[in-house]
Protein backbone atom coordinates (compact mmCIF):
# COMPACT_ATOMS: atom_id res chain seq x y z
CA MET A 1 27.19 12.66 8.73
CA ILE A 2 25.76 13.29 5.25
CA THR A 3 22.62 11.17 5.84
CA ILE A 4 21.92 12.76 9.24
CA SER A 5 22.38 16.27 7.87
CA PHE A 6 20.16 15.66 4.84
CA ALA A 7 17.46 13.99 6.96
CA PHE A 8 17.43 16.83 9.48
CA PHE A 9 17.27 19.71 7.00
CA PHE A 10 14.73 18.10 4.68
CA GLY A 11 12.59 17.05 7.67
CA LEU A 12 12.83 20.57 9.11
CA CYS A 13 11.80 22.15 5.81
CA VAL A 14 8.65 20.08 5.32
CA ARG A 15 7.65 20.54 8.95
CA GLN A 16 7.57 24.32 8.42
CA VAL A 17 4.78 23.88 5.88
CA GLY A 18 2.74 21.60 8.17
CA LEU A 19 3.77 18.22 6.72
CA PRO A 20 5.10 15.20 8.65
CA PRO A 21 8.93 14.96 8.72
CA LEU A 22 8.57 11.51 7.10
CA VAL A 23 7.89 13.25 3.79
CA GLY A 24 11.17 15.14 4.21
CA PHE A 25 13.05 11.94 5.00
CA LEU A 26 11.80 10.36 1.77
CA ALA A 27 12.89 13.45 -0.16
CA ALA A 28 16.25 13.37 1.64
CA GLY A 29 16.79 9.79 0.47
CA PHE A 30 16.30 10.80 -3.17
CA ALA A 31 18.55 13.86 -2.66
CA ILE A 32 21.29 11.67 -1.19
CA ASN A 33 20.93 9.33 -4.17
CA ILE A 34 21.62 12.27 -6.49
CA ALA A 35 24.30 14.15 -4.50
CA GLY A 36 25.85 11.27 -2.51
CA PRO A 37 28.60 10.24 -4.95
CA THR A 38 29.65 13.88 -5.40
CA LEU A 39 29.86 14.38 -1.64
CA GLY A 40 31.92 11.23 -1.14
CA MET A 41 29.20 8.94 0.21
CA PRO A 42 30.66 5.49 1.06
CA ASP A 43 29.49 2.53 -1.02
CA TYR A 44 28.31 0.64 2.06
CA THR A 45 25.84 3.39 3.08
CA GLY A 46 22.86 1.59 1.56
CA GLU A 47 23.69 -1.66 3.33
CA THR A 48 24.13 0.12 6.67
CA LEU A 49 20.85 2.00 6.27
CA GLY A 50 19.15 -1.28 5.35
CA HIS A 51 20.21 -2.80 8.67
CA VAL A 52 19.11 0.30 10.61
CA ALA A 53 15.79 0.32 8.72
CA HIS A 54 15.10 -3.31 9.65
CA LEU A 55 15.68 -2.51 13.32
CA GLY A 56 13.25 0.39 13.02
CA VAL A 57 10.56 -1.83 11.52
CA LEU A 58 10.96 -4.40 14.32
CA LEU A 59 10.72 -1.71 17.00
CA LEU A 60 7.65 -0.27 15.29
CA LEU A 61 5.91 -3.64 15.27
CA PHE A 62 6.88 -4.29 18.88
CA THR A 63 5.30 -0.99 19.99
CA VAL A 64 2.20 -1.77 17.90
CA GLY A 65 1.96 -5.08 19.76
CA LEU A 66 2.17 -3.26 23.10
CA LYS A 67 -1.02 -1.38 22.16
CA LEU A 68 -2.83 -4.46 20.91
CA LYS A 69 -5.87 -5.25 23.05
CA LEU A 70 -8.22 -7.98 21.92
CA ALA A 71 -11.24 -6.05 23.19
CA GLN A 72 -10.23 -3.13 20.98
CA ILE A 73 -9.99 -5.32 17.89
CA ALA A 74 -12.94 -7.60 18.60
CA GLN A 75 -15.44 -4.96 17.46
CA PRO A 76 -17.61 -5.39 14.35
CA GLN A 77 -16.58 -2.02 12.90
CA VAL A 78 -12.89 -2.82 13.41
CA ILE A 79 -12.64 -6.39 12.11
CA GLY A 80 -15.44 -6.05 9.58
CA GLY A 81 -14.29 -2.62 8.40
CA ALA A 82 -10.66 -3.68 7.98
CA LEU A 83 -11.41 -6.96 6.17
CA LEU A 84 -14.11 -5.54 3.89
CA HIS A 85 -12.01 -2.51 2.99
CA PHE A 86 -9.06 -4.79 2.21
CA ALA A 87 -11.14 -7.12 0.06
CA ILE A 88 -12.92 -4.34 -1.86
CA SER A 89 -9.68 -2.36 -2.38
CA VAL A 90 -7.86 -5.39 -3.78
CA ALA A 91 -10.85 -6.29 -5.97
CA VAL A 92 -10.88 -2.75 -7.43
CA PHE A 93 -7.14 -2.12 -7.70
CA MET A 94 -6.04 -5.50 -9.08
CA PRO A 95 -7.95 -5.51 -12.41
CA GLY A 96 -7.17 -1.80 -12.84
CA LEU A 97 -3.44 -2.39 -12.44
CA LYS A 98 -3.63 -5.41 -14.72
CA LEU A 99 -5.50 -3.46 -17.42
CA PHE A 100 -3.71 -0.09 -17.37
CA MET A 101 -0.17 -1.17 -16.42
CA GLY A 102 -0.05 -4.51 -18.19
CA LEU A 103 1.13 -6.37 -15.06
CA ASP A 104 0.83 -10.10 -14.54
CA TRP A 105 -1.83 -11.17 -12.05
CA ASN A 106 0.67 -11.94 -9.25
CA ALA A 107 2.32 -8.51 -9.46
CA ALA A 108 -1.09 -6.79 -9.75
CA LEU A 109 -2.30 -8.68 -6.66
CA LEU A 110 0.74 -7.77 -4.54
CA LEU A 111 0.69 -4.13 -5.63
CA SER A 112 -3.05 -3.83 -4.92
CA ILE A 113 -2.49 -5.38 -1.46
CA ALA A 114 0.24 -2.80 -0.76
CA LEU A 115 -2.10 0.04 -1.79
CA SER A 116 -4.97 -1.26 0.36
CA PHE A 117 -3.15 -0.53 3.64
CA SER A 118 -3.29 2.77 5.55
CA SER A 119 -0.39 4.46 7.31
CA THR A 120 0.04 3.34 10.93
CA VAL A 121 2.83 5.83 11.65
CA LEU A 122 1.05 8.88 10.19
CA ALA A 123 -2.34 8.08 11.78
CA ALA A 124 -0.82 7.35 15.21
CA LYS A 125 1.24 10.56 15.13
CA LEU A 126 -1.67 12.75 14.04
CA LEU A 127 -4.07 11.23 16.59
CA GLU A 128 -1.48 11.52 19.36
CA THR A 129 -0.79 15.16 18.48
CA LYS A 130 -4.51 15.91 18.75
CA ARG A 131 -4.82 13.80 21.95
CA GLU A 132 -7.40 11.58 20.21
CA LEU A 133 -5.79 8.14 20.47
CA GLY A 134 -8.22 7.27 23.26
CA ALA A 135 -11.29 8.80 21.59
CA PHE A 136 -13.79 6.44 19.98
CA HIS A 137 -12.75 7.26 16.43
CA GLY A 138 -9.07 7.12 17.42
CA ARG A 139 -9.40 3.64 18.93
CA THR A 140 -11.41 2.47 15.92
CA ALA A 141 -8.75 3.74 13.51
CA ILE A 142 -5.88 2.17 15.47
CA GLY A 143 -7.78 -1.14 15.70
CA ILE A 144 -8.28 -1.21 11.93
CA LEU A 145 -4.61 -0.35 11.39
CA ILE A 146 -3.53 -3.24 13.62
CA VAL A 147 -5.70 -5.68 11.64
CA GLN A 148 -4.16 -4.32 8.43
CA ASP A 149 -0.66 -4.72 9.88
CA ILE A 150 -1.38 -8.36 10.71
CA ILE A 151 -2.59 -8.92 7.14
CA ALA A 152 0.64 -7.31 5.87
CA LEU A 153 2.74 -9.65 7.99
CA VAL A 154 0.84 -12.68 6.67
CA VAL A 155 1.45 -11.48 3.11
CA LEU A 156 5.15 -11.10 3.85
CA ALA A 157 5.34 -14.58 5.36
CA VAL A 158 3.49 -16.23 2.46
CA TRP A 159 5.26 -14.49 -0.45
CA SER A 160 8.77 -14.20 1.01
CA GLY A 161 9.23 -17.96 0.73
CA GLN A 162 10.32 -18.52 4.32
CA VAL A 163 9.95 -22.18 5.33
CA PRO A 164 9.68 -22.87 9.08
CA ASN A 165 12.06 -25.47 10.51
CA ILE A 166 11.47 -27.98 13.31
CA TRP A 167 12.25 -25.32 15.90
CA ALA A 168 9.13 -23.43 14.81
CA LEU A 169 7.14 -25.80 17.03
CA LEU A 170 8.49 -23.77 19.96
CA ILE A 171 6.09 -21.00 19.00
CA PHE A 172 3.31 -22.90 20.77
CA GLY A 173 5.20 -22.40 24.03
CA VAL A 174 5.58 -18.63 23.55
CA PRO A 175 2.45 -17.80 25.66
CA LEU A 176 4.17 -19.52 28.60
CA LEU A 177 6.74 -16.72 28.54
CA ARG A 178 4.13 -14.12 29.53
CA PRO A 179 4.51 -14.46 33.36
CA VAL A 180 8.31 -14.41 33.05
CA LEU A 181 8.28 -11.33 30.82
CA HIS A 182 5.83 -9.54 33.11
CA ARG A 183 8.09 -10.23 36.10
CA LEU A 184 11.13 -8.99 34.16
CA LEU A 185 9.29 -5.78 33.31
CA ASP A 186 8.50 -5.29 37.01
CA PHE A 187 12.20 -5.60 37.85
CA ALA A 188 13.46 -3.46 34.92
CA GLY A 189 12.83 -0.11 36.60
CA HIS A 190 12.27 3.11 34.70
CA ASP A 191 15.65 3.95 33.16
CA GLU A 192 18.20 2.32 30.82
CA LEU A 193 17.21 -1.25 31.69
CA LEU A 194 13.65 -0.60 30.52
CA VAL A 195 14.90 0.51 27.07
CA LEU A 196 17.33 -2.43 26.88
CA MET A 197 14.56 -4.86 27.75
CA GLY A 198 12.40 -3.50 24.93
CA MET A 199 15.29 -3.83 22.48
CA MET A 200 16.10 -7.35 23.65
CA LEU A 201 12.52 -8.55 23.23
CA SER A 202 11.88 -6.89 19.87
CA LEU A 203 15.26 -7.31 18.17
CA VAL A 204 16.82 -10.38 19.80
CA ILE A 205 14.06 -12.72 20.98
CA GLY A 206 11.35 -11.57 18.57
CA GLY A 207 13.54 -10.71 15.58
CA MET A 208 16.51 -13.09 15.56
CA GLY A 209 14.67 -15.77 17.55
CA PHE A 210 11.82 -16.10 15.06
CA GLU A 211 14.22 -15.90 12.12
CA ALA A 212 16.17 -18.82 13.60
CA MET A 213 12.92 -20.81 13.58
CA GLY A 214 12.36 -19.96 9.91
CA LEU A 215 9.56 -17.52 10.75
CA SER A 216 9.16 -13.83 10.01
CA SER A 217 11.15 -11.56 12.33
CA GLU A 218 8.37 -8.95 11.91
CA ILE A 219 5.80 -11.39 13.32
CA GLY A 220 8.18 -12.20 16.18
CA ALA A 221 8.51 -8.54 17.18
CA LEU A 222 4.72 -8.11 17.12
CA VAL A 223 4.16 -11.25 19.22
CA MET A 224 6.64 -10.07 21.87
CA GLY A 225 4.74 -6.80 22.14
CA VAL A 226 1.40 -8.59 22.44
CA LEU A 227 2.70 -10.71 25.34
CA LEU A 228 3.33 -7.51 27.32
CA SER A 229 0.26 -5.55 26.17
CA THR A 230 -1.75 -6.44 29.31
CA HIS A 231 0.98 -5.25 31.70
CA THR A 232 0.28 -1.98 33.50
CA ARG A 233 3.64 -0.61 32.33
CA ALA A 234 3.21 -1.48 28.64
CA LYS A 235 2.50 2.16 27.79
CA GLU A 236 5.63 3.28 29.65
CA LEU A 237 7.73 0.69 27.80
CA GLY A 238 6.39 1.87 24.46
CA ALA A 239 7.07 5.51 25.36
CA SER A 240 10.66 4.69 26.37
CA LEU A 241 11.30 3.19 22.90
CA TRP A 242 9.51 5.92 20.93
CA SER A 243 12.52 8.13 20.13
CA LEU A 244 14.77 5.16 19.39
CA LYS A 245 12.17 3.68 17.05
CA GLU A 246 11.70 7.00 15.26
CA ILE A 247 15.43 7.41 14.68
CA PHE A 248 15.78 3.90 13.25
CA LEU A 249 12.72 4.41 11.03
CA VAL A 250 14.43 7.44 9.49
CA GLY A 251 16.88 4.92 8.04
CA PHE A 252 13.98 3.05 6.44
CA PHE A 253 12.70 6.13 4.59
CA LEU A 254 16.20 7.23 3.60
CA GLN A 255 16.89 3.75 2.26
CA ILE A 256 13.88 4.01 -0.07
CA GLY A 257 15.43 7.00 -1.82
CA LEU A 258 18.70 5.12 -2.22
CA THR A 259 17.00 2.25 -4.07
CA GLY A 260 16.65 4.40 -7.19
CA LEU A 261 15.33 7.65 -8.64
CA PRO A 262 11.76 7.93 -9.95
CA ASP A 263 11.29 8.00 -13.72
CA TRP A 264 8.34 9.42 -15.62
CA GLY A 265 6.39 6.17 -15.29
CA ALA A 266 6.85 6.14 -11.51
CA MET A 267 5.59 9.73 -11.25
CA VAL A 268 2.50 8.99 -13.37
CA PHE A 269 1.75 5.92 -11.23
CA ALA A 270 2.13 7.94 -8.01
CA LEU A 271 -0.15 10.74 -9.24
CA ALA A 272 -2.77 8.24 -10.40
CA VAL A 273 -2.95 6.41 -7.07
CA GLY A 274 -2.84 9.80 -5.33
CA ILE A 275 -6.07 10.72 -7.08
CA ALA A 276 -7.51 7.32 -6.08
CA LEU A 277 -6.83 8.22 -2.43
CA ALA A 278 -10.24 9.92 -2.27
CA LEU A 279 -11.91 6.56 -3.01
CA LYS A 280 -10.03 5.03 -0.08
CA GLY A 281 -11.49 7.60 2.32
CA VAL A 282 -15.01 7.39 0.87
CA LEU A 283 -14.99 3.60 1.19
CA PHE A 284 -13.90 3.76 4.84
CA PHE A 285 -16.64 6.31 5.58
CA ALA A 286 -19.29 4.15 3.91
CA LEU A 287 -18.17 1.04 5.81
CA MET A 288 -18.11 2.81 9.19
CA VAL A 289 -21.62 4.17 8.61
CA ALA A 290 -22.75 0.69 7.53
CA PHE A 291 -21.47 -0.61 10.90
CA LYS A 292 -23.77 1.91 12.65
CA LEU A 293 -21.22 4.57 13.58
CA ARG A 294 -22.41 8.15 13.64
CA ALA A 295 -21.36 10.38 10.74
CA ARG A 296 -18.81 12.27 12.87
CA SER A 297 -17.02 9.13 14.11
CA ALA A 298 -17.14 7.60 10.62
CA PHE A 299 -15.71 10.76 9.04
CA LEU A 300 -12.88 11.23 11.57
CA THR A 301 -11.99 7.52 11.41
CA ALA A 302 -11.95 7.55 7.60
CA LEU A 303 -9.84 10.71 7.45
CA SER A 304 -7.29 9.18 9.85
CA LEU A 305 -6.97 6.19 7.52
CA THR A 306 -6.72 8.14 4.27
CA ALA A 307 -3.01 7.72 3.51
CA TYR A 308 -1.07 4.91 1.90
CA SER A 309 0.95 2.83 4.29
CA GLU A 310 4.63 2.52 5.09
CA PHE A 311 3.76 -1.18 5.56
CA GLY A 312 2.98 -1.22 1.85
CA LEU A 313 6.60 -0.20 1.34
CA ILE A 314 7.74 -2.99 3.67
CA VAL A 315 5.69 -5.50 1.65
CA ALA A 316 7.10 -4.11 -1.60
CA ALA A 317 10.67 -4.22 -0.28
CA GLY A 318 10.19 -7.90 0.60
CA VAL A 319 8.29 -9.28 -2.37
CA LEU A 320 8.00 -6.57 -5.07
CA PRO A 321 11.24 -4.52 -5.00
CA GLU A 322 10.89 -3.20 -8.58
CA TYR A 323 7.85 -1.14 -7.49
CA LEU A 324 9.37 0.21 -4.29
CA VAL A 325 10.25 3.63 -5.76
CA PRO A 326 6.81 4.29 -7.38
CA LEU A 327 5.13 3.23 -4.14
CA ALA A 328 7.42 5.51 -2.12
CA ILE A 329 6.39 8.49 -4.25
CA ALA A 330 2.71 7.48 -3.88
CA VAL A 331 3.07 7.27 -0.07
CA SER A 332 4.75 10.70 0.00
CA ILE A 333 1.93 12.26 -2.03
CA SER A 334 -0.69 10.66 0.23
CA PHE A 335 1.07 12.11 3.31
CA VAL A 336 1.10 15.56 1.69
CA ILE A 337 -2.67 15.29 1.13
CA SER A 338 -3.65 13.58 4.40
CA ALA A 339 -1.63 15.56 6.96
CA PRO A 340 -3.30 18.99 6.49
CA LEU A 341 -6.76 17.43 6.11
CA ASN A 342 -6.38 15.65 9.46
CA ARG A 343 -5.07 18.79 11.13
CA TYR A 344 -8.33 20.58 10.28
CA ALA A 345 -10.58 17.52 10.57
CA HIS A 346 -13.04 19.00 13.08
CA PRO A 347 -13.69 22.28 11.21
CA ILE A 348 -14.03 20.32 7.95
CA PHE A 349 -16.66 18.06 9.53
CA GLU A 350 -18.58 21.03 10.93
CA HIS A 351 -18.72 22.46 7.42
CA LEU A 352 -19.94 19.15 5.94
CA GLU A 353 -22.01 17.94 8.90
CA ASN A 354 -25.48 18.61 7.48
CA ARG A 355 -24.66 16.63 4.34
CA LEU A 356 -22.86 13.76 6.05
CA ARG A 357 -25.52 13.21 8.72
CA HIS A 358 -27.98 12.15 6.01
CA TYR A 359 -25.95 8.94 5.68
CA GLU A 360 -26.30 7.94 9.35
CA ARG A 361 -28.34 4.85 10.03
CA ASP A 362 -31.48 5.41 12.09
CA THR A 363 -30.51 2.99 14.85
CA MET A 364 -28.60 2.73 18.12
CA HIS A 365 -24.97 3.66 17.48
CA PRO A 366 -21.94 2.05 19.20
CA ASP A 367 -20.71 5.59 19.93
CA GLU A 368 -24.06 6.84 21.23
CA GLN A 369 -23.75 9.72 23.72
CA PRO A 370 -26.00 10.71 26.64
CA ARG A 371 -28.76 13.25 26.10
CA ASN A 372 -29.77 13.77 29.72
CA MET A 373 -27.41 14.65 32.55
CA GLY A 374 -29.84 13.23 35.14
CA ASP A 375 -29.71 14.72 38.62
CA ALA A 376 -26.02 15.68 38.49
CA ASP A 377 -24.91 18.90 40.19
CA VAL A 378 -21.43 19.08 38.65
CA LEU A 379 -20.21 17.97 35.22
CA ILE A 380 -16.60 16.81 35.00
CA PHE A 381 -15.18 16.60 31.47
CA GLY A 382 -12.18 14.26 31.27
CA MET A 383 -11.85 11.43 33.80
CA GLY A 384 -8.08 10.99 33.88
CA ARG A 385 -6.08 11.54 37.07
CA THR A 386 -7.13 15.19 37.44
CA GLY A 387 -10.80 14.55 36.66
CA SER A 388 -10.93 11.48 38.91
CA ALA A 389 -9.48 13.44 41.83
CA ALA A 390 -12.05 16.21 41.25
CA TYR A 391 -14.84 13.60 41.11
CA ARG A 392 -13.83 12.13 44.49
CA SER A 393 -13.60 15.56 46.11
CA ILE A 394 -16.98 16.68 44.76
CA GLU A 395 -18.57 13.45 45.96
CA GLU A 396 -17.04 13.83 49.45
CA GLN A 397 -18.67 17.26 49.69
CA GLY A 398 -22.11 15.72 49.30
CA LEU A 399 -22.69 16.84 45.71
CA LYS A 400 -23.62 14.65 42.75
CA PRO A 401 -20.89 14.60 40.08
CA LEU A 402 -21.24 13.21 36.56
CA GLY A 403 -18.02 12.36 34.73
CA LEU A 404 -17.83 12.47 30.93
CA ASP A 405 -14.91 11.05 28.96
CA ALA A 406 -14.24 10.64 25.22
CA ASP A 407 -12.41 7.34 25.87
CA THR A 408 -14.99 4.52 25.88
CA TYR A 409 -12.69 2.21 27.86
CA THR A 410 -12.01 4.85 30.52
CA ALA A 411 -15.72 5.59 30.88
CA LYS A 412 -16.55 1.88 31.10
CA ALA A 413 -13.86 1.23 33.75
CA HIS A 414 -15.17 4.06 35.94
CA HIS A 415 -18.77 2.89 35.48
CA GLU A 416 -17.86 -0.65 36.49
CA ALA A 417 -16.14 0.77 39.59
CA GLY A 418 -19.48 2.28 40.65
CA ARG A 419 -18.88 5.88 39.53
CA ASN A 420 -21.39 7.95 37.59
CA VAL A 421 -19.32 8.25 34.40
CA LEU A 422 -20.53 8.16 30.80
CA PHE A 423 -18.96 8.26 27.34
CA ALA A 424 -19.23 11.67 25.67
CA ASP A 425 -16.96 13.71 23.41
CA ALA A 426 -16.85 17.40 24.30
CA GLU A 427 -15.66 18.22 20.76
CA ASP A 428 -18.76 16.68 19.18
CA SER A 429 -21.27 19.33 18.07
CA ASN A 430 -24.02 16.69 17.94
CA PHE A 431 -23.57 16.00 21.67
CA TRP A 432 -24.08 19.67 22.52
CA ARG A 433 -27.05 19.96 20.19
CA SER A 434 -28.94 17.09 21.83
CA CYS A 435 -27.88 17.19 25.49
CA ASN A 436 -30.09 18.46 28.30
CA LEU A 437 -28.01 20.00 31.10
CA GLY A 438 -30.87 19.55 33.60
CA GLN A 439 -29.96 20.83 37.08
CA VAL A 440 -26.19 21.08 36.51
CA LYS A 441 -24.81 24.01 38.53
CA ALA A 442 -21.09 23.89 37.67
CA ALA A 443 -18.65 22.34 35.19
CA ILE A 444 -15.04 21.25 35.54
CA LEU A 445 -12.85 20.98 32.41
CA ALA A 446 -10.16 18.42 33.26
CA MET A 447 -9.17 17.32 29.72
CA ASP A 448 -5.52 17.61 28.67
CA ASP A 449 -6.21 18.95 25.19
CA LEU A 450 -6.54 22.75 24.96
CA GLU A 451 -8.85 22.66 21.94
CA ALA A 452 -11.26 20.32 23.74
CA LYS A 453 -11.43 22.71 26.72
CA LEU A 454 -12.08 25.71 24.46
CA ILE A 455 -14.87 23.93 22.58
CA ALA A 456 -16.49 22.71 25.82
CA ALA A 457 -16.42 26.17 27.41
CA ARG A 458 -17.88 27.86 24.32
CA SER A 459 -20.54 25.18 23.87
CA LEU A 460 -21.65 25.41 27.50
CA ARG A 461 -22.12 29.17 27.21
CA GLN A 462 -23.91 28.82 23.86
CA ARG A 463 -26.32 26.38 25.51
CA GLY A 464 -27.20 29.12 27.99
CA PHE A 465 -25.25 27.65 30.92
CA SER A 466 -24.64 30.42 33.48
CA GLY A 467 -22.93 28.46 36.27
CA PRO A 468 -19.20 28.56 37.03
CA ILE A 469 -16.83 26.81 34.62
CA VAL A 470 -13.50 25.81 36.16
CA ALA A 471 -10.58 24.49 34.10
CA HIS A 472 -7.02 23.41 34.67
CA ALA A 473 -4.25 24.60 32.35
CA LEU A 474 -0.83 23.12 31.64
CA HIS A 475 0.71 26.40 30.43
CA GLU A 476 0.24 30.06 31.38
CA ALA A 477 -0.36 31.01 27.75
CA HIS A 478 -3.49 28.83 27.75
CA GLN A 479 -5.19 30.57 30.67
CA ASP A 480 -6.35 33.65 28.75
CA GLN A 481 -7.64 31.52 25.85
CA ILE A 482 -9.71 29.33 28.17
CA ARG A 483 -11.17 32.37 29.97
CA GLU A 484 -12.03 34.04 26.66
CA ALA A 485 -13.88 30.86 25.63
CA GLY A 486 -16.14 31.19 28.69
CA ALA A 487 -14.39 29.70 31.73
CA ASP A 488 -14.59 31.63 35.02
CA TYR A 489 -11.53 30.17 36.73
CA THR A 490 -8.34 28.52 35.46
CA TYR A 491 -5.66 26.86 37.54
CA LEU A 492 -2.10 26.05 36.51
CA THR A 493 -1.78 22.38 37.39
CA MET A 494 1.91 22.44 38.33
CA ASN A 495 1.52 25.66 40.32
CA GLN A 496 -1.35 24.20 42.32
CA ALA A 497 0.69 21.06 43.01
CA GLY A 498 3.52 23.25 44.33
CA ILE A 499 1.15 25.27 46.53
CA SER A 500 -0.33 22.06 47.99
CA LEU A 501 3.16 20.72 48.75
CA ALA A 502 4.05 23.97 50.52
CA GLU A 503 0.83 23.88 52.57
CA GLN A 504 1.47 20.27 53.61
CA THR A 505 5.03 21.19 54.59
CA THR A 506 3.86 24.16 56.68
CA GLU A 507 1.27 22.05 58.47
CA ALA A 508 3.87 19.34 59.19
CA MET A 509 6.28 21.92 60.60
CA ALA A 510 3.58 23.38 62.84
CA LYS A 511 2.99 19.95 64.39
CA THR A 512 6.66 19.39 65.31
């Protein structure tokens, strides 16, 4: 009761000032450490939270595995960026920690490894909130984070001293489980069984199963997720576990506070590495530009990765427990800095664009966007279910649609299916500056994100486009904003679905 109450109120307080609740949970852990004995906190609280925290970590890794696609990782900017950033960060941090903190080389190495990682939880949450997980910079950031997570798991396995037993040879047969697991997922349905299946795979088979073989339970949970990542319902499975995973992870952050209170040395360490956070972001930006990304993609990717990682805390908890509290304070400070910067990432880039574009390489970029709309009559922004349906209808009417989507994989899939769809980000000012609208007569805004629709509508009007702009809206409150931005017509998606159902029903009744 005490831990839940503290976590809720501290999380609620920090959320009111625009910070992630994780920062509040860390603070709640330290508050419980101070006030717990006075309030009658049981002695076994720390042990219980430790068990809950471990379950949260396994669920987190399982859901990361569900998102793991080899094509997403097998990109030069992802693998090269992650490995080079890791190597350079360790090379810079390790001698600094050795010199200024007087650590031995092993401790300096482990601590520098922990500081080299970026926060998977914070980046995923911020990108999801802004509907940018599928955007080019979002996919690049998530790919780099996955590579970092794999490095963290290797570090844990090497330094934790776990020795595999003879049963570890069974790991070579794990890929044979894929067809069985896919069939089980087909049979699991959409309700309680789906959640139970996710828990069984991540906690029982992946966690306890790999531990029984003398392997890391964290690696086991990740592997189980990877085996299901190609299934069409992998996203649904991950979504079904999201709330459960978040609740268990609260235990992880509360547990950090219960490990001990920060002293003056811990605070100085946290402030010092907080200042060094700027170097982390600058290095990511430089590496992304070096791998031929445009300044905008490089900047947004770097900003998403500019926070110290909760995986660093997991590494510290496993192999460097005496530095867990200083690292926890450092992670909290990095969240406080990173969260508001990411919230206003697009306006910040617009302010710095002229300076940052000087660093772009004069070459073909992996995130290159079209400059000519060809002979298209209608532009459709966002090629999800709504945009795809609009594309088919426009095509059936004899017009020439052109679909644009900020998700490179979505655009590629449509293109391979024979549709006229290209990669383009409606929120990118550089796209609007260089594009030629040609003979386009109308535009449809079918993106889910409100901000993307507002930017697209304003940009079209600023480019002198006088044709009709039609947009769908998820909420009534959004309609006026979209019209003020320049759209001529807005449709409430759910209302239109209801009207269509009623029309179909009336027609069916007339035929009987």
